[in-house]
Amino acid sequence: MTHKKTGTVASTNMQKTVIVSVESRMRHPFYKKVVRSNKKFKAHCEIDVVVGDLVEIMETRPISKEVRFKVISKVDKK
């Protein structure tokens, strides 16, 4: 089973690697308030993206020490 996530490109300073910020929202079990959290993933990227693009990433085999995701497609441009 492959895990797909959608997030915003936060940085493109590395060669063939981008940092994607994925936001998740959950309801707090006691206070019942919606809590947002961001997690950043390093993803291998062969397509041309810029900071602010909405992309879809997929979990893959380890490509390097910290890269475990691959950019599948560009969903939208902000």
C-alpha atoms as a PDB file:
ATOM      1  CA  MET A   1       0.000   0.000   0.000  1.00  0.00           C
ATOM      2  CA  THR A   2       1.431   3.348  -0.998  1.00  0.00           C
ATOM      3  CA  HIS A   3       0.920   6.442   1.106  1.00  0.00           C
ATOM      4  CA  LYS A   4       0.081   9.575  -0.850  1.00  0.00           C
ATOM      5  CA  LYS A   5       0.061  13.060   0.628  1.00  0.00           C
ATOM      6  CA  THR A   6      -0.699  16.501  -0.768  1.00  0.00           C
ATOM      7  CA  GLY A   7       1.311  19.505   0.340  1.00  0.00           C
ATOM      8  CA  THR A   8       2.881  22.812  -0.568  1.00  0.00           C
ATOM      9  CA  VAL A   9       6.458  23.162  -1.798  1.00  0.00           C
ATOM     10  CA  ALA A  10       8.372  25.050   0.903  1.00  0.00           C
ATOM     11  CA  SER A  11      11.906  24.992  -0.533  1.00  0.00           C
ATOM     12  CA  THR A  12      13.668  24.143  -3.793  1.00  0.00           C
ATOM     13  CA  ASN A  13      17.266  24.912  -2.776  1.00  0.00           C
ATOM     14  CA  MET A  14      18.615  21.385  -3.346  1.00  0.00           C
ATOM     15  CA  GLN A  15      19.270  19.570  -6.610  1.00  0.00           C
ATOM     16  CA  LYS A  16      16.417  17.180  -7.508  1.00  0.00           C
ATOM     17  CA  THR A  17      15.024  17.434  -3.955  1.00  0.00           C
ATOM     18  CA  VAL A  18      12.253  19.660  -2.626  1.00  0.00           C
ATOM     19  CA  ILE A  19      10.837  20.168   0.847  1.00  0.00           C
ATOM     20  CA  VAL A  20       7.069  19.691   0.947  1.00  0.00           C
ATOM     21  CA  SER A  21       5.009  20.986   3.878  1.00  0.00           C
ATOM     22  CA  VAL A  22       1.950  18.808   4.559  1.00  0.00           C
ATOM     23  CA  GLU A  23      -0.795  20.171   6.822  1.00  0.00           C
ATOM     24  CA  SER A  24      -2.967  17.819   8.831  1.00  0.00           C
ATOM     25  CA  ARG A  25      -6.012  18.692  10.904  1.00  0.00           C
ATOM     26  CA  MET A  26      -7.543  16.694  13.732  1.00  0.00           C
ATOM     27  CA  ARG A  27     -10.133  17.341  16.406  1.00  0.00           C
ATOM     28  CA  HIS A  28      -8.728  17.488  19.937  1.00  0.00           C
ATOM     29  CA  PRO A  29     -10.187  14.585  21.932  1.00  0.00           C
ATOM     30  CA  PHE A  30     -11.057  16.619  25.035  1.00  0.00           C
ATOM     31  CA  TYR A  31     -11.430  20.245  23.913  1.00  0.00           C
ATOM     32  CA  LYS A  32     -13.145  19.382  20.592  1.00  0.00           C
ATOM     33  CA  LYS A  33     -11.227  22.150  18.807  1.00  0.00           C
ATOM     34  CA  VAL A  34      -9.671  21.565  15.395  1.00  0.00           C
ATOM     35  CA  VAL A  35      -5.884  21.548  15.760  1.00  0.00           C
ATOM     36  CA  ARG A  36      -3.634  22.049  12.732  1.00  0.00           C
ATOM     37  CA  SER A  37      -0.102  20.702  12.461  1.00  0.00           C
ATOM     38  CA  ASN A  38       2.528  20.893   9.728  1.00  0.00           C
ATOM     39  CA  LYS A  39       5.103  18.267   8.879  1.00  0.00           C
ATOM     40  CA  LYS A  40       7.855  18.715   6.314  1.00  0.00           C
ATOM     41  CA  PHE A  41       9.009  15.913   4.045  1.00  0.00           C
ATOM     42  CA  LYS A  42      12.008  15.846   1.709  1.00  0.00           C
ATOM     43  CA  ALA A  43      10.938  14.500  -1.670  1.00  0.00           C
ATOM     44  CA  HIS A  44      12.792  13.559  -4.837  1.00  0.00           C
ATOM     45  CA  CYS A  45      11.570  15.750  -7.704  1.00  0.00           C
ATOM     46  CA  GLU A  46      12.203  15.346 -11.435  1.00  0.00           C
ATOM     47  CA  ILE A  47       9.496  17.803 -12.561  1.00  0.00           C
ATOM     48  CA  ASP A  48       9.795  21.596 -12.542  1.00  0.00           C
ATOM     49  CA  VAL A  49       8.161  23.108  -9.431  1.00  0.00           C
ATOM     50  CA  VAL A  50       8.515  26.421  -7.620  1.00  0.00           C
ATOM     51  CA  VAL A  51       7.896  27.460  -4.023  1.00  0.00           C
ATOM     52  CA  GLY A  52       4.155  27.620  -3.357  1.00  0.00           C
ATOM     53  CA  ASP A  53       3.074  24.905  -5.792  1.00  0.00           C
ATOM     54  CA  LEU A  54       0.641  22.282  -4.546  1.00  0.00           C
ATOM     55  CA  VAL A  55       2.109  18.824  -5.245  1.00  0.00           C
ATOM     56  CA  GLU A  56       1.251  15.204  -4.551  1.00  0.00           C
ATOM     57  CA  ILE A  57       3.976  13.028  -3.016  1.00  0.00           C
ATOM     58  CA  MET A  58       4.170   9.268  -2.614  1.00  0.00           C
ATOM     59  CA  GLU A  59       6.167   7.144  -0.204  1.00  0.00           C
ATOM     60  CA  THR A  60       8.924   5.167  -1.919  1.00  0.00           C
ATOM     61  CA  ARG A  61      12.111   3.264  -1.155  1.00  0.00           C
ATOM     62  CA  PRO A  62      14.907   5.238   0.553  1.00  0.00           C
ATOM     63  CA  ILE A  63      16.608   7.391  -2.072  1.00  0.00           C
ATOM     64  CA  SER A  64      19.147   8.948   0.288  1.00  0.00           C
ATOM     65  CA  LYS A  65      19.680   9.351   4.024  1.00  0.00           C
ATOM     66  CA  GLU A  66      16.612  11.568   4.535  1.00  0.00           C
ATOM     67  CA  VAL A  67      14.627  11.320   1.276  1.00  0.00           C
ATOM     68  CA  ARG A  68      11.780   8.785   1.458  1.00  0.00           C
ATOM     69  CA  PHE A  69       9.163  10.404  -0.799  1.00  0.00           C
ATOM     70  CA  LYS A  70       8.849  11.162  -4.512  1.00  0.00           C
ATOM     71  CA  VAL A  71       6.866  13.949  -6.201  1.00  0.00           C
ATOM     72  CA  ILE A  72       4.207  12.357  -8.416  1.00  0.00           C
ATOM     73  CA  SER A  73       2.503  15.374  -9.939  1.00  0.00           C
ATOM     74  CA  LYS A  74       1.861  19.081  -9.648  1.00  0.00           C
ATOM     75  CA  VAL A  75      -1.741  19.526  -8.515  1.00  0.00           C
ATOM     76  CA  ASP A  76      -2.135  23.289  -8.589  1.00  0.00           C
ATOM     77  CA  LYS A  77      -0.226  26.551  -8.534  1.00  0.00           C
ATOM     78  CA  LYS A  78      -0.951  28.997  -5.725  1.00  0.00           C
END
